[in-house]
Amino acid sequence: MAKSDELVKYITERVVHYIDTPKDERKGRTKIKEPWTMKWFGMIPFAVSLWVGKKEKAMNSPENREKPSSSGKR
């Protein structure tokens, strides 16, 4: 009988604590959900996206662009 009383006491304490906390504070405590690609495949998609992003930045940087000729043709 003592264990069930402890369980009821614990549950009521948790419920009262939950009700007493402001709604804004409860929302701030929620976990940020990780992307499904990270969850399913780990760090590999993240690493590939960083690698592709660096390559795209390098290709679009002003140093690698061709200078337009005076005739307008490439």
PDB file of N, CA and C in Angstrom:
ATOM      1  N   MET A   1       0.798  -1.187   0.000  1.00  0.00           N
ATOM      2  CA  MET A   1       0.000   0.000   0.000  1.00  0.00           C
ATOM      3  C   MET A   1       0.851   1.265   0.000  1.00  0.00           C
ATOM      4  N   ALA A   2       2.017   1.207   0.610  1.00  0.00           N
ATOM      5  CA  ALA A   2       2.867   2.382   0.752  1.00  0.00           C
ATOM      6  C   ALA A   2       3.392   2.847  -0.610  1.00  0.00           C
ATOM      7  N   LYS A   3       3.693   1.889  -1.481  1.00  0.00           N
ATOM      8  CA  LYS A   3       4.225   2.278  -2.783  1.00  0.00           C
ATOM      9  C   LYS A   3       3.177   3.008  -3.621  1.00  0.00           C
ATOM     10  N   SER A   4       1.961   2.576  -3.552  1.00  0.00           N
ATOM     11  CA  SER A   4       0.929   3.255  -4.333  1.00  0.00           C
ATOM     12  C   SER A   4       0.690   4.664  -3.792  1.00  0.00           C
ATOM     13  N   ASP A   5       0.784   4.832  -2.471  1.00  0.00           N
ATOM     14  CA  ASP A   5       0.637   6.170  -1.889  1.00  0.00           C
ATOM     15  C   ASP A   5       1.764   7.094  -2.338  1.00  0.00           C
ATOM     16  N   GLU A   6       2.980   6.548  -2.393  1.00  0.00           N
ATOM     17  CA  GLU A   6       4.128   7.346  -2.851  1.00  0.00           C
ATOM     18  C   GLU A   6       3.974   7.733  -4.308  1.00  0.00           C
ATOM     19  N   LEU A   7       3.466   6.798  -5.095  1.00  0.00           N
ATOM     20  CA  LEU A   7       3.260   7.065  -6.516  1.00  0.00           C
ATOM     21  C   LEU A   7       2.218   8.171  -6.715  1.00  0.00           C
ATOM     22  N   VAL A   8       1.130   8.090  -6.005  1.00  0.00           N
ATOM     23  CA  VAL A   8       0.085   9.111  -6.109  1.00  0.00           C
ATOM     24  C   VAL A   8       0.628  10.456  -5.664  1.00  0.00           C
ATOM     25  N   LYS A   9       1.405  10.471  -4.585  1.00  0.00           N
ATOM     26  CA  LYS A   9       1.985  11.720  -4.093  1.00  0.00           C
ATOM     27  C   LYS A   9       2.936  12.315  -5.137  1.00  0.00           C
ATOM     28  N   TYR A  10       3.787  11.475  -5.738  1.00  0.00           N
ATOM     29  CA  TYR A  10       4.730  11.937  -6.751  1.00  0.00           C
ATOM     30  C   TYR A  10       3.993  12.512  -7.961  1.00  0.00           C
ATOM     31  N   ILE A  11       2.966  11.806  -8.425  1.00  0.00           N
ATOM     32  CA  ILE A  11       2.227  12.256  -9.605  1.00  0.00           C
ATOM     33  C   ILE A  11       1.516  13.580  -9.321  1.00  0.00           C
ATOM     34  N   THR A  12       0.904  13.703  -8.145  1.00  0.00           N
ATOM     35  CA  THR A  12       0.218  14.956  -7.826  1.00  0.00           C
ATOM     36  C   THR A  12       1.199  16.116  -7.710  1.00  0.00           C
ATOM     37  N   GLU A  13       2.396  15.862  -7.160  1.00  0.00           N
ATOM     38  CA  GLU A  13       3.420  16.920  -7.089  1.00  0.00           C
ATOM     39  C   GLU A  13       3.826  17.377  -8.482  1.00  0.00           C
ATOM     40  N   ARG A  14       4.016  16.436  -9.372  1.00  0.00           N
ATOM     41  CA  ARG A  14       4.403  16.778 -10.743  1.00  0.00           C
ATOM     42  C   ARG A  14       3.302  17.572 -11.448  1.00  0.00           C
ATOM     43  N   VAL A  15       2.059  17.162 -11.268  1.00  0.00           N
ATOM     44  CA  VAL A  15       0.941  17.847 -11.917  1.00  0.00           C
ATOM     45  C   VAL A  15       0.804  19.262 -11.368  1.00  0.00           C
ATOM     46  N   VAL A  16       0.914  19.404 -10.051  1.00  0.00           N
ATOM     47  CA  VAL A  16       0.803  20.733  -9.439  1.00  0.00           C
ATOM     48  C   VAL A  16       1.941  21.628  -9.913  1.00  0.00           C
ATOM     49  N   HIS A  17       3.147  21.082  -9.990  1.00  0.00           N
ATOM     50  CA  HIS A  17       4.299  21.864 -10.476  1.00  0.00           C
ATOM     51  C   HIS A  17       4.066  22.298 -11.918  1.00  0.00           C
ATOM     52  N   TYR A  18       3.548  21.397 -12.740  1.00  0.00           N
ATOM     53  CA  TYR A  18       3.269  21.711 -14.146  1.00  0.00           C
ATOM     54  C   TYR A  18       2.232  22.822 -14.260  1.00  0.00           C
ATOM     55  N   ILE A  19       1.185  22.731 -13.466  1.00  0.00           N
ATOM     56  CA  ILE A  19       0.114  23.733 -13.524  1.00  0.00           C
ATOM     57  C   ILE A  19       0.606  25.088 -13.019  1.00  0.00           C
ATOM     58  N   ASP A  20       1.484  25.079 -12.022  1.00  0.00           N
ATOM     59  CA  ASP A  20       1.982  26.328 -11.435  1.00  0.00           C
ATOM     60  C   ASP A  20       2.965  27.080 -12.327  1.00  0.00           C
ATOM     61  N   THR A  21       3.647  26.377 -13.220  1.00  0.00           N
ATOM     62  CA  THR A  21       4.616  27.066 -14.079  1.00  0.00           C
ATOM     63  C   THR A  21       3.880  27.821 -15.178  1.00  0.00           C
ATOM     64  N   PRO A  22       4.352  29.029 -15.505  1.00  0.00           N
ATOM     65  CA  PRO A  22       3.718  29.802 -16.582  1.00  0.00           C
ATOM     66  C   PRO A  22       3.874  29.104 -17.935  1.00  0.00           C
ATOM     67  N   LYS A  23       2.930  29.363 -18.807  1.00  0.00           N
ATOM     68  CA  LYS A  23       2.919  28.715 -20.116  1.00  0.00           C
ATOM     69  C   LYS A  23       4.164  29.058 -20.934  1.00  0.00           C
ATOM     70  N   ASP A  24       4.619  30.312 -20.841  1.00  0.00           N
ATOM     71  CA  ASP A  24       5.810  30.726 -21.597  1.00  0.00           C
ATOM     72  C   ASP A  24       7.041  29.948 -21.151  1.00  0.00           C
ATOM     73  N   GLU A  25       7.155  29.723 -19.863  1.00  0.00           N
ATOM     74  CA  GLU A  25       8.308  28.986 -19.345  1.00  0.00           C
ATOM     75  C   GLU A  25       8.273  27.526 -19.801  1.00  0.00           C
ATOM     76  N   ARG A  26       7.080  26.944 -19.840  1.00  0.00           N
ATOM     77  CA  ARG A  26       6.960  25.555 -20.290  1.00  0.00           C
ATOM     78  C   ARG A  26       7.332  25.421 -21.756  1.00  0.00           C
ATOM     79  N   LYS A  27       6.939  26.390 -22.565  1.00  0.00           N
ATOM     80  CA  LYS A  27       7.267  26.331 -23.992  1.00  0.00           C
ATOM     81  C   LYS A  27       8.759  26.503 -24.226  1.00  0.00           C
ATOM     82  N   GLY A  28       9.419  27.309 -23.403  1.00  0.00           N
ATOM     83  CA  GLY A  28      10.853  27.536 -23.545  1.00  0.00           C
ATOM     84  C   GLY A  28      11.685  26.322 -23.207  1.00  0.00           C
ATOM     85  N   ARG A  29      11.119  25.419 -22.429  1.00  0.00           N
ATOM     86  CA  ARG A  29      11.852  24.240 -21.997  1.00  0.00           C
ATOM     87  C   ARG A  29      11.776  23.082 -22.978  1.00  0.00           C
ATOM     88  N   THR A  30      10.937  23.160 -23.988  1.00  0.00           N
ATOM     89  CA  THR A  30      10.765  22.038 -24.902  1.00  0.00           C
ATOM     90  C   THR A  30      12.025  21.833 -25.727  1.00  0.00           C
ATOM     91  N   LYS A  31      12.256  20.598 -26.091  1.00  0.00           N
ATOM     92  CA  LYS A  31      13.433  20.257 -26.884  1.00  0.00           C
ATOM     93  C   LYS A  31      13.260  20.733 -28.320  1.00  0.00           C
ATOM     94  N   ILE A  32      14.370  21.085 -28.929  1.00  0.00           N
ATOM     95  CA  ILE A  32      14.356  21.416 -30.350  1.00  0.00           C
ATOM     96  C   ILE A  32      14.494  20.100 -31.109  1.00  0.00           C
ATOM     97  N   LYS A  33      13.590  19.886 -32.029  1.00  0.00           N
ATOM     98  CA  LYS A  33      13.571  18.631 -32.772  1.00  0.00           C
ATOM     99  C   LYS A  33      14.696  18.620 -33.796  1.00  0.00           C
ATOM    100  N   GLU A  34      15.452  17.521 -33.824  1.00  0.00           N
ATOM    101  CA  GLU A  34      16.535  17.436 -34.797  1.00  0.00           C
ATOM    102  C   GLU A  34      15.974  17.059 -36.166  1.00  0.00           C
ATOM    103  N   PRO A  35      16.644  17.469 -37.237  1.00  0.00           N
ATOM    104  CA  PRO A  35      16.162  17.158 -38.589  1.00  0.00           C
ATOM    105  C   PRO A  35      16.101  15.644 -38.823  1.00  0.00           C
ATOM    106  N   TRP A  36      15.165  15.203 -39.637  1.00  0.00           N
ATOM    107  CA  TRP A  36      14.993  13.768 -39.872  1.00  0.00           C
ATOM    108  C   TRP A  36      16.218  13.163 -40.549  1.00  0.00           C
ATOM    109  N   THR A  37      16.920  13.950 -41.376  1.00  0.00           N
ATOM    110  CA  THR A  37      18.112  13.397 -42.029  1.00  0.00           C
ATOM    111  C   THR A  37      19.189  13.070 -41.003  1.00  0.00           C
ATOM    112  N   MET A  38      19.321  13.931 -39.995  1.00  0.00           N
ATOM    113  CA  MET A  38      20.302  13.682 -38.944  1.00  0.00           C
ATOM    114  C   MET A  38      19.893  12.464 -38.124  1.00  0.00           C
ATOM    115  N   LYS A  39      18.606  12.330 -37.876  1.00  0.00           N
ATOM    116  CA  LYS A  39      18.112  11.224 -37.067  1.00  0.00           C
ATOM    117  C   LYS A  39      18.299   9.887 -37.787  1.00  0.00           C
ATOM    118  N   TRP A  40      18.061   9.867 -39.088  1.00  0.00           N
ATOM    119  CA  TRP A  40      18.140   8.619 -39.833  1.00  0.00           C
ATOM    120  C   TRP A  40      19.550   8.282 -40.283  1.00  0.00           C
ATOM    121  N   PHE A  41      20.323   9.279 -40.689  1.00  0.00           N
ATOM    122  CA  PHE A  41      21.605   9.006 -41.320  1.00  0.00           C
ATOM    123  C   PHE A  41      22.813   9.543 -40.562  1.00  0.00           C
ATOM    124  N   GLY A  42      22.616  10.247 -39.473  1.00  0.00           N
ATOM    125  CA  GLY A  42      23.726  10.745 -38.665  1.00  0.00           C
ATOM    126  C   GLY A  42      24.355  12.000 -39.245  1.00  0.00           C
ATOM    127  N   MET A  43      25.664  12.099 -39.115  1.00  0.00           N
ATOM    128  CA  MET A  43      26.397  13.306 -39.504  1.00  0.00           C
ATOM    129  C   MET A  43      26.729  13.357 -40.993  1.00  0.00           C
ATOM    130  N   ILE A  44      26.537  12.283 -41.717  1.00  0.00           N
ATOM    131  CA  ILE A  44      26.928  12.245 -43.133  1.00  0.00           C
ATOM    132  C   ILE A  44      26.186  13.295 -43.961  1.00  0.00           C
ATOM    133  N   PRO A  45      24.859  13.419 -43.881  1.00  0.00           N
ATOM    134  CA  PRO A  45      24.187  14.463 -44.676  1.00  0.00           C
ATOM    135  C   PRO A  45      24.635  15.871 -44.299  1.00  0.00           C
ATOM    136  N   PHE A  46      24.883  16.094 -43.012  1.00  0.00           N
ATOM    137  CA  PHE A  46      25.352  17.403 -42.562  1.00  0.00           C
ATOM    138  C   PHE A  46      26.711  17.717 -43.168  1.00  0.00           C
ATOM    139  N   ALA A  47      27.619  16.748 -43.134  1.00  0.00           N
ATOM    140  CA  ALA A  47      28.961  16.948 -43.697  1.00  0.00           C
ATOM    141  C   ALA A  47      28.891  17.202 -45.200  1.00  0.00           C
ATOM    142  N   VAL A  48      28.042  16.461 -45.889  1.00  0.00           N
ATOM    143  CA  VAL A  48      27.903  16.644 -47.345  1.00  0.00           C
ATOM    144  C   VAL A  48      27.333  18.022 -47.646  1.00  0.00           C
ATOM    145  N   SER A  49      26.352  18.465 -46.864  1.00  0.00           N
ATOM    146  CA  SER A  49      25.771  19.783 -47.118  1.00  0.00           C
ATOM    147  C   SER A  49      26.796  20.889 -46.878  1.00  0.00           C
ATOM    148  N   LEU A  50      27.635  20.739 -45.866  1.00  0.00           N
ATOM    149  CA  LEU A  50      28.697  21.726 -45.647  1.00  0.00           C
ATOM    150  C   LEU A  50      29.688  21.729 -46.803  1.00  0.00           C
ATOM    151  N   TRP A  51      30.056  20.548 -47.260  1.00  0.00           N
ATOM    152  CA  TRP A  51      31.017  20.428 -48.347  1.00  0.00           C
ATOM    153  C   TRP A  51      30.464  21.038 -49.634  1.00  0.00           C
ATOM    154  N   VAL A  52      29.198  20.758 -49.938  1.00  0.00           N
ATOM    155  CA  VAL A  52      28.577  21.309 -51.150  1.00  0.00           C
ATOM    156  C   VAL A  52      28.456  22.823 -51.022  1.00  0.00           C
ATOM    157  N   GLY A  53      28.093  23.296 -49.851  1.00  0.00           N
ATOM    158  CA  GLY A  53      27.963  24.731 -49.632  1.00  0.00           C
ATOM    159  C   GLY A  53      29.276  25.457 -49.835  1.00  0.00           C
ATOM    160  N   LYS A  54      30.375  24.875 -49.376  1.00  0.00           N
ATOM    161  CA  LYS A  54      31.692  25.494 -49.563  1.00  0.00           C
ATOM    162  C   LYS A  54      32.068  25.527 -51.042  1.00  0.00           C
ATOM    163  N   LYS A  55      31.739  24.447 -51.760  1.00  0.00           N
ATOM    164  CA  LYS A  55      32.057  24.417 -53.196  1.00  0.00           C
ATOM    165  C   LYS A  55      31.252  25.472 -53.949  1.00  0.00           C
ATOM    166  N   GLU A  56      29.970  25.624 -53.586  1.00  0.00           N
ATOM    167  CA  GLU A  56      29.133  26.619 -54.258  1.00  0.00           C
ATOM    168  C   GLU A  56      29.625  28.031 -53.957  1.00  0.00           C
ATOM    169  N   LYS A  57      30.030  28.287 -52.735  1.00  0.00           N
ATOM    170  CA  LYS A  57      30.555  29.605 -52.389  1.00  0.00           C
ATOM    171  C   LYS A  57      31.833  29.890 -53.163  1.00  0.00           C
ATOM    172  N   ALA A  58      32.689  28.892 -53.301  1.00  0.00           N
ATOM    173  CA  ALA A  58      33.940  29.080 -54.027  1.00  0.00           C
ATOM    174  C   ALA A  58      33.670  29.364 -55.504  1.00  0.00           C
ATOM    175  N   MET A  59      32.663  28.704 -56.058  1.00  0.00           N
ATOM    176  CA  MET A  59      32.349  28.919 -57.476  1.00  0.00           C
ATOM    177  C   MET A  59      31.730  30.292 -57.709  1.00  0.00           C
ATOM    178  N   ASN A  60      30.997  30.802 -56.736  1.00  0.00           N
ATOM    179  CA  ASN A  60      30.319  32.087 -56.896  1.00  0.00           C
ATOM    180  C   ASN A  60      31.150  33.259 -56.396  1.00  0.00           C
ATOM    181  N   SER A  61      32.323  32.996 -55.872  1.00  0.00           N
ATOM    182  CA  SER A  61      33.133  34.095 -55.351  1.00  0.00           C
ATOM    183  C   SER A  61      33.634  34.971 -56.502  1.00  0.00           C
ATOM    184  N   PRO A  62      33.865  36.251 -56.253  1.00  0.00           N
ATOM    185  CA  PRO A  62      34.275  37.171 -57.321  1.00  0.00           C
ATOM    186  C   PRO A  62      35.621  36.812 -57.950  1.00  0.00           C
ATOM    187  N   GLU A  63      36.482  36.134 -57.237  1.00  0.00           N
ATOM    188  CA  GLU A  63      37.797  35.796 -57.790  1.00  0.00           C
ATOM    189  C   GLU A  63      37.687  34.778 -58.911  1.00  0.00           C
ATOM    190  N   ASN A  64      36.695  33.879 -58.827  1.00  0.00           N
ATOM    191  CA  ASN A  64      36.582  32.807 -59.815  1.00  0.00           C
ATOM    192  C   ASN A  64      35.683  33.160 -60.997  1.00  0.00           C
ATOM    193  N   ARG A  65      35.000  34.268 -60.939  1.00  0.00           N
ATOM    194  CA  ARG A  65      34.133  34.653 -62.047  1.00  0.00           C
ATOM    195  C   ARG A  65      34.976  35.200 -63.196  1.00  0.00           C
ATOM    196  N   GLU A  66      34.470  34.931 -64.405  1.00  0.00           N
ATOM    197  CA  GLU A  66      35.167  35.461 -65.570  1.00  0.00           C
ATOM    198  C   GLU A  66      34.827  36.929 -65.738  1.00  0.00           C
ATOM    199  N   LYS A  67      35.795  37.699 -66.171  1.00  0.00           N
ATOM    200  CA  LYS A  67      35.555  39.113 -66.401  1.00  0.00           C
ATOM    201  C   LYS A  67      34.881  39.245 -67.774  1.00  0.00           C
ATOM    202  N   PRO A  68      33.836  40.034 -67.870  1.00  0.00           N
ATOM    203  CA  PRO A  68      33.169  40.188 -69.164  1.00  0.00           C
ATOM    204  C   PRO A  68      34.099  40.910 -70.158  1.00  0.00           C
ATOM    205  N   SER A  69      34.096  40.406 -71.359  1.00  0.00           N
ATOM    206  CA  SER A  69      34.918  41.040 -72.385  1.00  0.00           C
ATOM    207  C   SER A  69      34.207  42.257 -72.931  1.00  0.00           C
ATOM    208  N   SER A  70      34.931  43.045 -73.707  1.00  0.00           N
ATOM    209  CA  SER A  70      34.357  44.286 -74.233  1.00  0.00           C
ATOM    210  C   SER A  70      33.258  44.010 -75.270  1.00  0.00           C
ATOM    211  N   SER A  71      33.300  42.855 -75.942  1.00  0.00           N
ATOM    212  CA  SER A  71      32.285  42.541 -76.952  1.00  0.00           C
ATOM    213  C   SER A  71      31.032  41.951 -76.345  1.00  0.00           C
ATOM    214  N   GLY A  72      31.094  41.526 -75.052  1.00  0.00           N
ATOM    215  CA  GLY A  72      29.922  40.976 -74.397  1.00  0.00           C
ATOM    216  C   GLY A  72      29.812  39.473 -74.576  1.00  0.00           C
ATOM    217  N   LYS A  73      30.719  38.878 -75.391  1.00  0.00           N
ATOM    218  CA  LYS A  73      30.685  37.425 -75.583  1.00  0.00           C
ATOM    219  C   LYS A  73      31.716  36.774 -74.670  1.00  0.00           C
ATOM    220  N   ARG A  74      31.474  35.527 -74.347  1.00  0.00           N
ATOM    221  CA  ARG A  74      32.403  34.809 -73.486  1.00  0.00           C
ATOM    222  C   ARG A  74      33.335  33.959 -74.266  1.00  0.00           C
TER     223      ARG A  74
END
